[in-house]
PDB file of N, CA and C in Angstrom:
ATOM      1  N   MET A   1     120.655 120.584  46.277  1.00  0.00           N
ATOM      2  CA  MET A   1     119.413 121.307  46.445  1.00  0.00           C
ATOM      3  C   MET A   1     119.701 122.739  46.890  1.00  0.00           C
ATOM      4  N   PHE A   2     120.625 122.913  47.854  1.00  0.00           N
ATOM      5  CA  PHE A   2     120.949 124.250  48.328  1.00  0.00           C
ATOM      6  C   PHE A   2     121.564 125.098  47.225  1.00  0.00           C
ATOM      7  N   ALA A   3     122.382 124.495  46.378  1.00  0.00           N
ATOM      8  CA  ALA A   3     123.029 125.252  45.310  1.00  0.00           C
ATOM      9  C   ALA A   3     121.988 125.815  44.343  1.00  0.00           C
ATOM     10  N   TYR A   4     120.993 125.031  44.004  1.00  0.00           N
ATOM     11  CA  TYR A   4     119.976 125.509  43.056  1.00  0.00           C
ATOM     12  C   TYR A   4     119.005 126.485  43.722  1.00  0.00           C
ATOM     13  N   THR A   5     118.664 126.242  44.984  1.00  0.00           N
ATOM     14  CA  THR A   5     117.802 127.191  45.686  1.00  0.00           C
ATOM     15  C   THR A   5     118.504 128.523  45.838  1.00  0.00           C
ATOM     16  N   SER A   6     119.772 128.492  46.170  1.00  0.00           N
ATOM     17  CA  SER A   6     120.546 129.722  46.300  1.00  0.00           C
ATOM     18  C   SER A   6     120.700 130.412  44.945  1.00  0.00           C
ATOM     19  N   SER A   7     120.846 129.658  43.892  1.00  0.00           N
ATOM     20  CA  SER A   7     120.967 130.248  42.559  1.00  0.00           C
ATOM     21  C   SER A   7     119.644 130.868  42.116  1.00  0.00           C
ATOM     22  N   LEU A   8     118.534 130.223  42.460  1.00  0.00           N
ATOM     23  CA  LEU A   8     117.233 130.808  42.129  1.00  0.00           C
ATOM     24  C   LEU A   8     117.020 132.126  42.851  1.00  0.00           C
ATOM     25  N   ALA A   9     117.604 132.283  44.024  1.00  0.00           N
ATOM     26  CA  ALA A   9     117.481 133.521  44.790  1.00  0.00           C
ATOM     27  C   ALA A   9     118.548 134.535  44.379  1.00  0.00           C
ATOM     28  N   ASN A  10     119.227 134.297  43.267  1.00  0.00           N
ATOM     29  CA  ASN A  10     120.256 135.190  42.714  1.00  0.00           C
ATOM     30  C   ASN A  10     121.449 135.345  43.638  1.00  0.00           C
ATOM     31  N   ASN A  11     121.723 134.318  44.418  1.00  0.00           N
ATOM     32  CA  ASN A  11     122.815 134.371  45.369  1.00  0.00           C
ATOM     33  C   ASN A  11     124.029 133.615  44.848  1.00  0.00           C
ATOM     34  N   GLY A  12     123.818 132.386  44.464  1.00  0.00           N
ATOM     35  CA  GLY A  12     124.873 131.601  43.866  1.00  0.00           C
ATOM     36  C   GLY A  12     125.859 131.002  44.837  1.00  0.00           C
ATOM     37  N   GLN A  13     125.526 130.879  46.115  1.00  0.00           N
ATOM     38  CA  GLN A  13     126.436 130.267  47.074  1.00  0.00           C
ATOM     39  C   GLN A  13     126.313 128.751  46.991  1.00  0.00           C
ATOM     40  N   ASN A  14     127.365 128.080  47.366  1.00  0.00           N
ATOM     41  CA  ASN A  14     127.362 126.619  47.408  1.00  0.00           C
ATOM     42  C   ASN A  14     127.982 126.162  48.711  1.00  0.00           C
ATOM     43  N   PHE A  15     127.681 124.936  49.092  1.00  0.00           N
ATOM     44  CA  PHE A  15     128.382 124.352  50.217  1.00  0.00           C
ATOM     45  C   PHE A  15     129.825 124.102  49.821  1.00  0.00           C
ATOM     46  N   ALA A  16     130.711 124.097  50.801  1.00  0.00           N
ATOM     47  CA  ALA A  16     132.133 123.910  50.500  1.00  0.00           C
ATOM     48  C   ALA A  16     132.410 122.508  49.971  1.00  0.00           C
ATOM     49  N   GLY A  17     131.618 121.523  50.356  1.00  0.00           N
ATOM     50  CA  GLY A  17     131.869 120.163  49.925  1.00  0.00           C
ATOM     51  C   GLY A  17     131.404 119.873  48.514  1.00  0.00           C
ATOM     52  N   LEU A  18     130.588 120.749  47.931  1.00  0.00           N
ATOM     53  CA  LEU A  18     130.083 120.525  46.582  1.00  0.00           C
ATOM     54  C   LEU A  18     131.074 121.104  45.585  1.00  0.00           C
ATOM     55  N   SER A  19     131.673 120.250  44.778  1.00  0.00           N
ATOM     56  CA  SER A  19     132.585 120.773  43.752  1.00  0.00           C
ATOM     57  C   SER A  19     131.742 121.162  42.547  1.00  0.00           C
ATOM     58  N   ALA A  20     131.297 122.395  42.568  1.00  0.00           N
ATOM     59  CA  ALA A  20     130.360 122.877  41.557  1.00  0.00           C
ATOM     60  C   ALA A  20     131.052 123.516  40.370  1.00  0.00           C
ATOM     61  N   ASN A  21     132.367 123.488  40.327  1.00  0.00           N
ATOM     62  CA  ASN A  21     133.070 124.107  39.207  1.00  0.00           C
ATOM     63  C   ASN A  21     133.243 123.096  38.069  1.00  0.00           C
ATOM     64  N   THR A  22     132.120 122.584  37.607  1.00  0.00           N
ATOM     65  CA  THR A  22     132.113 121.689  36.457  1.00  0.00           C
ATOM     66  C   THR A  22     131.191 122.305  35.421  1.00  0.00           C
ATOM     67  N   PRO A  23     131.335 121.950  34.165  1.00  0.00           N
ATOM     68  CA  PRO A  23     130.450 122.534  33.150  1.00  0.00           C
ATOM     69  C   PRO A  23     128.966 122.278  33.438  1.00  0.00           C
ATOM     70  N   PHE A  24     128.633 121.097  33.963  1.00  0.00           N
ATOM     71  CA  PHE A  24     127.229 120.796  34.249  1.00  0.00           C
ATOM     72  C   PHE A  24     126.677 121.756  35.295  1.00  0.00           C
ATOM     73  N   TYR A  25     127.368 121.893  36.428  1.00  0.00           N
ATOM     74  CA  TYR A  25     126.876 122.774  37.481  1.00  0.00           C
ATOM     75  C   TYR A  25     126.919 124.237  37.059  1.00  0.00           C
ATOM     76  N   ASN A  26     127.943 124.632  36.316  1.00  0.00           N
ATOM     77  CA  ASN A  26     128.023 126.020  35.860  1.00  0.00           C
ATOM     78  C   ASN A  26     126.830 126.371  34.966  1.00  0.00           C
ATOM     79  N   LEU A  27     126.496 125.472  34.044  1.00  0.00           N
ATOM     80  CA  LEU A  27     125.382 125.760  33.131  1.00  0.00           C
ATOM     81  C   LEU A  27     124.028 125.665  33.824  1.00  0.00           C
ATOM     82  N   THR A  28     123.834 124.653  34.645  1.00  0.00           N
ATOM     83  CA  THR A  28     122.514 124.499  35.269  1.00  0.00           C
ATOM     84  C   THR A  28     122.261 125.544  36.346  1.00  0.00           C
ATOM     85  N   THR A  29     123.275 125.931  37.118  1.00  0.00           N
ATOM     86  CA  THR A  29     123.046 126.990  38.104  1.00  0.00           C
ATOM     87  C   THR A  29     122.912 128.352  37.423  1.00  0.00           C
ATOM     88  N   ALA A  30     123.588 128.559  36.309  1.00  0.00           N
ATOM     89  CA  ALA A  30     123.385 129.808  35.555  1.00  0.00           C
ATOM     90  C   ALA A  30     121.967 129.870  35.008  1.00  0.00           C
ATOM     91  N   PHE A  31     121.454 128.739  34.538  1.00  0.00           N
ATOM     92  CA  PHE A  31     120.063 128.702  34.071  1.00  0.00           C
ATOM     93  C   PHE A  31     119.102 128.960  35.236  1.00  0.00           C
ATOM     94  N   ALA A  32     119.410 128.398  36.405  1.00  0.00           N
ATOM     95  CA  ALA A  32     118.572 128.633  37.584  1.00  0.00           C
ATOM     96  C   ALA A  32     118.590 130.110  37.974  1.00  0.00           C
ATOM     97  N   MET A  33     119.736 130.760  37.856  1.00  0.00           N
ATOM     98  CA  MET A  33     119.812 132.197  38.145  1.00  0.00           C
ATOM     99  C   MET A  33     118.961 133.002  37.163  1.00  0.00           C
ATOM    100  N   MET A  34     119.000 132.634  35.909  1.00  0.00           N
ATOM    101  CA  MET A  34     118.189 133.345  34.909  1.00  0.00           C
ATOM    102  C   MET A  34     116.702 133.158  35.189  1.00  0.00           C
ATOM    103  N   VAL A  35     116.303 131.937  35.523  1.00  0.00           N
ATOM    104  CA  VAL A  35     114.896 131.675  35.836  1.00  0.00           C
ATOM    105  C   VAL A  35     114.491 132.439  37.090  1.00  0.00           C
ATOM    106  N   GLY A  36     115.365 132.443  38.101  1.00  0.00           N
ATOM    107  CA  GLY A  36     115.067 133.145  39.337  1.00  0.00           C
ATOM    108  C   GLY A  36     114.944 134.636  39.141  1.00  0.00           C
ATOM    109  N   ARG A  37     115.742 135.196  38.261  1.00  0.00           N
ATOM    110  CA  ARG A  37     115.693 136.639  38.047  1.00  0.00           C
ATOM    111  C   ARG A  37     114.548 137.029  37.115  1.00  0.00           C
ATOM    112  N   PHE A  38     114.508 136.432  35.932  1.00  0.00           N
ATOM    113  CA  PHE A  38     113.513 136.847  34.938  1.00  0.00           C
ATOM    114  C   PHE A  38     112.165 136.172  35.151  1.00  0.00           C
ATOM    115  N   GLY A  39     112.162 135.018  35.799  1.00  0.00           N
ATOM    116  CA  GLY A  39     110.906 134.338  36.068  1.00  0.00           C
ATOM    117  C   GLY A  39     110.038 135.100  37.049  1.00  0.00           C
ATOM    118  N   LEU A  40     110.649 135.937  37.883  1.00  0.00           N
ATOM    119  CA  LEU A  40     109.886 136.779  38.794  1.00  0.00           C
ATOM    120  C   LEU A  40     109.712 138.199  38.258  1.00  0.00           C
ATOM    121  N   ALA A  41     110.676 138.687  37.501  1.00  0.00           N
ATOM    122  CA  ALA A  41     110.609 140.065  37.015  1.00  0.00           C
ATOM    123  C   ALA A  41     109.557 140.235  35.921  1.00  0.00           C
ATOM    124  N   LEU A  42     109.449 139.283  35.019  1.00  0.00           N
ATOM    125  CA  LEU A  42     108.497 139.427  33.921  1.00  0.00           C
ATOM    126  C   LEU A  42     107.037 139.462  34.392  1.00  0.00           C
ATOM    127  N   PRO A  43     106.591 138.569  35.278  1.00  0.00           N
ATOM    128  CA  PRO A  43     105.209 138.698  35.766  1.00  0.00           C
ATOM    129  C   PRO A  43     104.980 139.987  36.562  1.00  0.00           C
ATOM    130  N   ALA A  44     105.995 140.436  37.313  1.00  0.00           N
ATOM    131  CA  ALA A  44     105.844 141.687  38.057  1.00  0.00           C
ATOM    132  C   ALA A  44     105.695 142.871  37.110  1.00  0.00           C
ATOM    133  N   LEU A  45     106.477 142.889  36.034  1.00  0.00           N
ATOM    134  CA  LEU A  45     106.351 143.967  35.043  1.00  0.00           C
ATOM    135  C   LEU A  45     105.026 143.891  34.300  1.00  0.00           C
ATOM    136  N   ALA A  46     104.551 142.682  34.022  1.00  0.00           N
ATOM    137  CA  ALA A  46     103.251 142.535  33.364  1.00  0.00           C
ATOM    138  C   ALA A  46     102.130 143.032  34.260  1.00  0.00           C
ATOM    139  N   LEU A  47     102.208 142.723  35.546  1.00  0.00           N
ATOM    140  CA  LEU A  47     101.201 143.205  36.484  1.00  0.00           C
ATOM    141  C   LEU A  47     101.259 144.725  36.620  1.00  0.00           C
ATOM    142  N   ALA A  48     102.461 145.285  36.664  1.00  0.00           N
ATOM    143  CA  ALA A  48     102.606 146.737  36.741  1.00  0.00           C
ATOM    144  C   ALA A  48     102.039 147.410  35.490  1.00  0.00           C
ATOM    145  N   GLY A  49     102.274 146.835  34.323  1.00  0.00           N
ATOM    146  CA  GLY A  49     101.721 147.393  33.093  1.00  0.00           C
ATOM    147  C   GLY A  49     100.208 147.324  33.073  1.00  0.00           C
ATOM    148  N   HIS A  50      99.656 146.228  33.573  1.00  0.00           N
ATOM    149  CA  HIS A  50      98.195 146.094  33.625  1.00  0.00           C
ATOM    150  C   HIS A  50      97.592 147.120  34.578  1.00  0.00           C
ATOM    151  N   LEU A  51      98.219 147.305  35.741  1.00  0.00           N
ATOM    152  CA  LEU A  51      97.704 148.290  36.694  1.00  0.00           C
ATOM    153  C   LEU A  51      97.879 149.721  36.181  1.00  0.00           C
ATOM    154  N   ALA A  52      98.955 149.984  35.442  1.00  0.00           N
ATOM    155  CA  ALA A  52      99.171 151.325  34.906  1.00  0.00           C
ATOM    156  C   ALA A  52      98.184 151.663  33.798  1.00  0.00           C
ATOM    157  N   SER A  53      97.675 150.657  33.116  1.00  0.00           N
ATOM    158  CA  SER A  53      96.744 150.926  32.013  1.00  0.00           C
ATOM    159  C   SER A  53      95.316 151.182  32.490  1.00  0.00           C
ATOM    160  N   GLN A  54      95.026 150.945  33.757  1.00  0.00           N
ATOM    161  CA  GLN A  54      93.678 151.173  34.265  1.00  0.00           C
ATOM    162  C   GLN A  54      93.417 152.675  34.392  1.00  0.00           C
ATOM    163  N   PRO A  55      92.162 153.078  34.180  1.00  0.00           N
ATOM    164  CA  PRO A  55      91.854 154.505  34.307  1.00  0.00           C
ATOM    165  C   PRO A  55      91.896 154.952  35.763  1.00  0.00           C
ATOM    166  N   ARG A  56      92.127 156.240  35.949  1.00  0.00           N
ATOM    167  CA  ARG A  56      92.173 156.811  37.296  1.00  0.00           C
ATOM    168  C   ARG A  56      90.755 156.943  37.839  1.00  0.00           C
ATOM    169  N   ARG A  57      90.559 156.533  39.079  1.00  0.00           N
ATOM    170  CA  ARG A  57      89.234 156.587  39.684  1.00  0.00           C
ATOM    171  C   ARG A  57      89.172 157.736  40.674  1.00  0.00           C
ATOM    172  N   PRO A  58      88.039 158.428  40.754  1.00  0.00           N
ATOM    173  CA  PRO A  58      87.939 159.533  41.720  1.00  0.00           C
ATOM    174  C   PRO A  58      87.867 159.005  43.155  1.00  0.00           C
ATOM    175  N   ALA A  59      88.273 159.859  44.078  1.00  0.00           N
ATOM    176  CA  ALA A  59      88.226 159.492  45.488  1.00  0.00           C
ATOM    177  C   ALA A  59      86.782 159.398  45.946  1.00  0.00           C
ATOM    178  N   GLY A  60      86.499 158.381  46.749  1.00  0.00           N
ATOM    179  CA  GLY A  60      85.146 158.178  47.259  1.00  0.00           C
ATOM    180  C   GLY A  60      85.133 158.205  48.776  1.00  0.00           C
ATOM    181  N   LEU A  61      84.054 157.702  49.353  1.00  0.00           N
ATOM    182  CA  LEU A  61      83.921 157.702  50.807  1.00  0.00           C
ATOM    183  C   LEU A  61      84.908 156.756  51.481  1.00  0.00           C
ATOM    184  N   GLY A  62      85.292 155.687  50.831  1.00  0.00           N
ATOM    185  CA  GLY A  62      86.208 154.718  51.420  1.00  0.00           C
ATOM    186  C   GLY A  62      87.675 155.018  51.165  1.00  0.00           C
ATOM    187  N   THR A  63      87.986 156.140  50.542  1.00  0.00           N
ATOM    188  CA  THR A  63      89.369 156.477  50.212  1.00  0.00           C
ATOM    189  C   THR A  63      90.020 157.201  51.381  1.00  0.00           C
ATOM    190  N   MET A  64      91.185 156.728  51.805  1.00  0.00           N
ATOM    191  CA  MET A  64      91.907 157.400  52.883  1.00  0.00           C
ATOM    192  C   MET A  64      92.852 158.427  52.289  1.00  0.00           C
ATOM    193  N   PRO A  65      92.760 159.675  52.725  1.00  0.00           N
ATOM    194  CA  PRO A  65      93.681 160.690  52.201  1.00  0.00           C
ATOM    195  C   PRO A  65      95.113 160.426  52.683  1.00  0.00           C
ATOM    196  N   THR A  66      96.059 160.655  51.802  1.00  0.00           N
ATOM    197  CA  THR A  66      97.457 160.355  52.122  1.00  0.00           C
ATOM    198  C   THR A  66      98.230 161.570  52.608  1.00  0.00           C
ATOM    199  N   ASP A  67      97.564 162.682  52.826  1.00  0.00           N
ATOM    200  CA  ASP A  67      98.247 163.890  53.286  1.00  0.00           C
ATOM    201  C   ASP A  67      97.819 164.287  54.700  1.00  0.00           C
ATOM    202  N   THR A  68      97.502 163.301  55.535  1.00  0.00           N
ATOM    203  CA  THR A  68      97.086 163.573  56.902  1.00  0.00           C
ATOM    204  C   THR A  68      98.052 162.920  57.890  1.00  0.00           C
ATOM    205  N   LEU A  69      97.968 163.356  59.143  1.00  0.00           N
ATOM    206  CA  LEU A  69      98.800 162.767  60.186  1.00  0.00           C
ATOM    207  C   LEU A  69      98.385 161.325  60.490  1.00  0.00           C
ATOM    208  N   LEU A  70      97.115 161.004  60.303  1.00  0.00           N
ATOM    209  CA  LEU A  70      96.655 159.632  60.528  1.00  0.00           C
ATOM    210  C   LEU A  70      97.351 158.663  59.574  1.00  0.00           C
ATOM    211  N   PHE A  71      97.426 159.027  58.318  1.00  0.00           N
ATOM    212  CA  PHE A  71      98.081 158.164  57.335  1.00  0.00           C
ATOM    213  C   PHE A  71      99.564 158.033  57.657  1.00  0.00           C
ATOM    214  N   ALA A  72     100.222 159.146  58.007  1.00  0.00           N
ATOM    215  CA  ALA A  72     101.645 159.097  58.353  1.00  0.00           C
ATOM    216  C   ALA A  72     101.866 158.216  59.580  1.00  0.00           C
ATOM    217  N   GLY A  73     100.995 158.327  60.566  1.00  0.00           N
ATOM    218  CA  GLY A  73     101.123 157.499  61.755  1.00  0.00           C
ATOM    219  C   GLY A  73     100.936 156.023  61.459  1.00  0.00           C
ATOM    220  N   LEU A  74      99.978 155.695  60.587  1.00  0.00           N
ATOM    221  CA  LEU A  74      99.769 154.299  60.213  1.00  0.00           C
ATOM    222  C   LEU A  74     100.970 153.726  59.463  1.00  0.00           C
ATOM    223  N   VAL A  75     101.552 154.516  58.572  1.00  0.00           N
ATOM    224  CA  VAL A  75     102.727 154.043  57.824  1.00  0.00           C
ATOM    225  C   VAL A  75     103.909 153.839  58.767  1.00  0.00           C
ATOM    226  N   ILE A  76     104.165 154.808  59.641  1.00  0.00           N
ATOM    227  CA  ILE A  76     105.293 154.691  60.569  1.00  0.00           C
ATOM    228  C   ILE A  76     105.059 153.537  61.546  1.00  0.00           C
ATOM    229  N   GLY A  77     103.829 153.388  62.031  1.00  0.00           N
ATOM    230  CA  GLY A  77     103.519 152.264  62.919  1.00  0.00           C
ATOM    231  C   GLY A  77     103.721 150.923  62.239  1.00  0.00           C
ATOM    232  N   THR A  78     103.313 150.821  60.975  1.00  0.00           N
ATOM    233  CA  THR A  78     103.515 149.584  60.226  1.00  0.00           C
ATOM    234  C   THR A  78     105.000 149.284  60.051  1.00  0.00           C
ATOM    235  N   ILE A  79     105.788 150.307  59.796  1.00  0.00           N
ATOM    236  CA  ILE A  79     107.238 150.113  59.642  1.00  0.00           C
ATOM    237  C   ILE A  79     107.838 149.587  60.941  1.00  0.00           C
ATOM    238  N   PHE A  80     107.429 150.159  62.079  1.00  0.00           N
ATOM    239  CA  PHE A  80     107.964 149.700  63.358  1.00  0.00           C
ATOM    240  C   PHE A  80     107.505 148.281  63.690  1.00  0.00           C
ATOM    241  N   ILE A  81     106.256 147.960  63.390  1.00  0.00           N
ATOM    242  CA  ILE A  81     105.753 146.611  63.686  1.00  0.00           C
ATOM    243  C   ILE A  81     106.460 145.568  62.829  1.00  0.00           C
ATOM    244  N   VAL A  82     106.592 145.817  61.529  1.00  0.00           N
ATOM    245  CA  VAL A  82     107.263 144.855  60.653  1.00  0.00           C
ATOM    246  C   VAL A  82     108.747 144.751  61.012  1.00  0.00           C
ATOM    247  N   GLY A  83     109.375 145.878  61.308  1.00  0.00           N
ATOM    248  CA  GLY A  83     110.776 145.838  61.732  1.00  0.00           C
ATOM    249  C   GLY A  83     110.955 145.078  63.029  1.00  0.00           C
ATOM    250  N   GLY A  84     110.049 145.305  63.986  1.00  0.00           N
ATOM    251  CA  GLY A  84     110.122 144.584  65.252  1.00  0.00           C
ATOM    252  C   GLY A  84     109.927 143.090  65.067  1.00  0.00           C
ATOM    253  N   LEU A  85     108.978 142.715  64.228  1.00  0.00           N
ATOM    254  CA  LEU A  85     108.744 141.294  63.979  1.00  0.00           C
ATOM    255  C   LEU A  85     109.911 140.652  63.234  1.00  0.00           C
ATOM    256  N   SER A  86     110.668 141.463  62.503  1.00  0.00           N
ATOM    257  CA  SER A  86     111.830 140.927  61.786  1.00  0.00           C
ATOM    258  C   SER A  86     113.026 140.729  62.709  1.00  0.00           C
ATOM    259  N   TYR A  87     113.236 141.658  63.659  1.00  0.00           N
ATOM    260  CA  TYR A  87     114.447 141.630  64.465  1.00  0.00           C
ATOM    261  C   TYR A  87     114.249 141.070  65.870  1.00  0.00           C
ATOM    262  N   PHE A  88     113.032 141.025  66.392  1.00  0.00           N
ATOM    263  CA  PHE A  88     112.835 140.531  67.750  1.00  0.00           C
ATOM    264  C   PHE A  88     113.246 139.071  67.924  1.00  0.00           C
ATOM    265  N   PRO A  89     112.955 138.167  66.991  1.00  0.00           N
ATOM    266  CA  PRO A  89     113.414 136.784  67.193  1.00  0.00           C
ATOM    267  C   PRO A  89     114.933 136.670  67.297  1.00  0.00           C
ATOM    268  N   VAL A  90     115.669 137.474  66.544  1.00  0.00           N
ATOM    269  CA  VAL A  90     117.131 137.436  66.611  1.00  0.00           C
ATOM    270  C   VAL A  90     117.597 137.940  67.968  1.00  0.00           C
ATOM    271  N   LEU A  91     116.977 139.015  68.446  1.00  0.00           N
ATOM    272  CA  LEU A  91     117.358 139.527  69.759  1.00  0.00           C
ATOM    273  C   LEU A  91     116.990 138.547  70.865  1.00  0.00           C
ATOM    274  N   ALA A  92     115.840 137.894  70.727  1.00  0.00           N
ATOM    275  CA  ALA A  92     115.408 136.943  71.751  1.00  0.00           C
ATOM    276  C   ALA A  92     116.330 135.739  71.812  1.00  0.00           C
ATOM    277  N   LEU A  93     116.896 135.344  70.693  1.00  0.00           N
ATOM    278  CA  LEU A  93     117.793 134.196  70.684  1.00  0.00           C
ATOM    279  C   LEU A  93     119.216 134.571  71.078  1.00  0.00           C
ATOM    280  N   GLY A  94     119.567 135.823  70.966  1.00  0.00           N
ATOM    281  CA  GLY A  94     120.943 136.227  71.228  1.00  0.00           C
ATOM    282  C   GLY A  94     121.113 136.997  72.512  1.00  0.00           C
ATOM    283  N   PRO A  95     121.200 138.318  72.429  1.00  0.00           N
ATOM    284  CA  PRO A  95     121.569 139.125  73.598  1.00  0.00           C
ATOM    285  C   PRO A  95     120.555 139.076  74.740  1.00  0.00           C
ATOM    286  N   VAL A  96     119.276 138.987  74.459  1.00  0.00           N
ATOM    287  CA  VAL A  96     118.284 138.986  75.533  1.00  0.00           C
ATOM    288  C   VAL A  96     118.414 137.724  76.370  1.00  0.00           C
ATOM    289  N   VAL A  97     118.529 136.573  75.736  1.00  0.00           N
ATOM    290  CA  VAL A  97     118.676 135.312  76.469  1.00  0.00           C
ATOM    291  C   VAL A  97     119.998 135.293  77.217  1.00  0.00           C
ATOM    292  N   GLU A  98     121.046 135.814  76.609  1.00  0.00           N
ATOM    293  CA  GLU A  98     122.343 135.854  77.288  1.00  0.00           C
ATOM    294  C   GLU A  98     122.271 136.727  78.532  1.00  0.00           C
ATOM    295  N   HIS A  99     121.602 137.854  78.439  1.00  0.00           N
ATOM    296  CA  HIS A  99     121.452 138.719  79.607  1.00  0.00           C
ATOM    297  C   HIS A  99     120.635 138.047  80.699  1.00  0.00           C
ATOM    298  N   LEU A 100     119.574 137.346  80.303  1.00  0.00           N
ATOM    299  CA  LEU A 100     118.768 136.650  81.297  1.00  0.00           C
ATOM    300  C   LEU A 100     119.539 135.512  81.946  1.00  0.00           C
ATOM    301  N   LEU A 101     120.425 134.863  81.217  1.00  0.00           N
ATOM    302  CA  LEU A 101     121.229 133.780  81.785  1.00  0.00           C
ATOM    303  C   LEU A 101     122.310 134.287  82.718  1.00  0.00           C
ATOM    304  N   LEU A 102     122.709 135.562  82.607  1.00  0.00           N
ATOM    305  CA  LEU A 102     123.718 136.118  83.501  1.00  0.00           C
ATOM    306  C   LEU A 102     123.184 136.205  84.928  1.00  0.00           C
ATOM    307  N   GLY A 103     121.882 136.356  85.079  1.00  0.00           N
ATOM    308  CA  GLY A 103     121.285 136.468  86.407  1.00  0.00           C
ATOM    309  C   GLY A 103     121.190 135.159  87.145  1.00  0.00           C
ATOM    310  N   LEU A 104     121.405 134.042  86.453  1.00  0.00           N
ATOM    311  CA  LEU A 104     121.276 132.734  87.112  1.00  0.00           C
ATOM    312  C   LEU A 104     122.452 132.373  87.942  1.00  0.00           C
TER     313      LEU A 104
END
């Protein structure tokens, strides 16, 4: 299961105990890699083509201008929040807990 999930994610790693160097595993994991790569790329390109074919709409009352400090602040704040949510669990499990345990 891990070999095919990893192949679908275009990684191709296997557990050391799985002897995957057989024609069956080589062909089926290669097929999984193709499905993982093109199975996601083709719908994304189709969606991009559909969105590109739409006509341009004029700015209205609900449109936020992208050349203001408010927009820049929102983008930078979002980057920091998503980055923090990505890395805080790793820090909480590693160095932060180790530092807190030193005080005991």
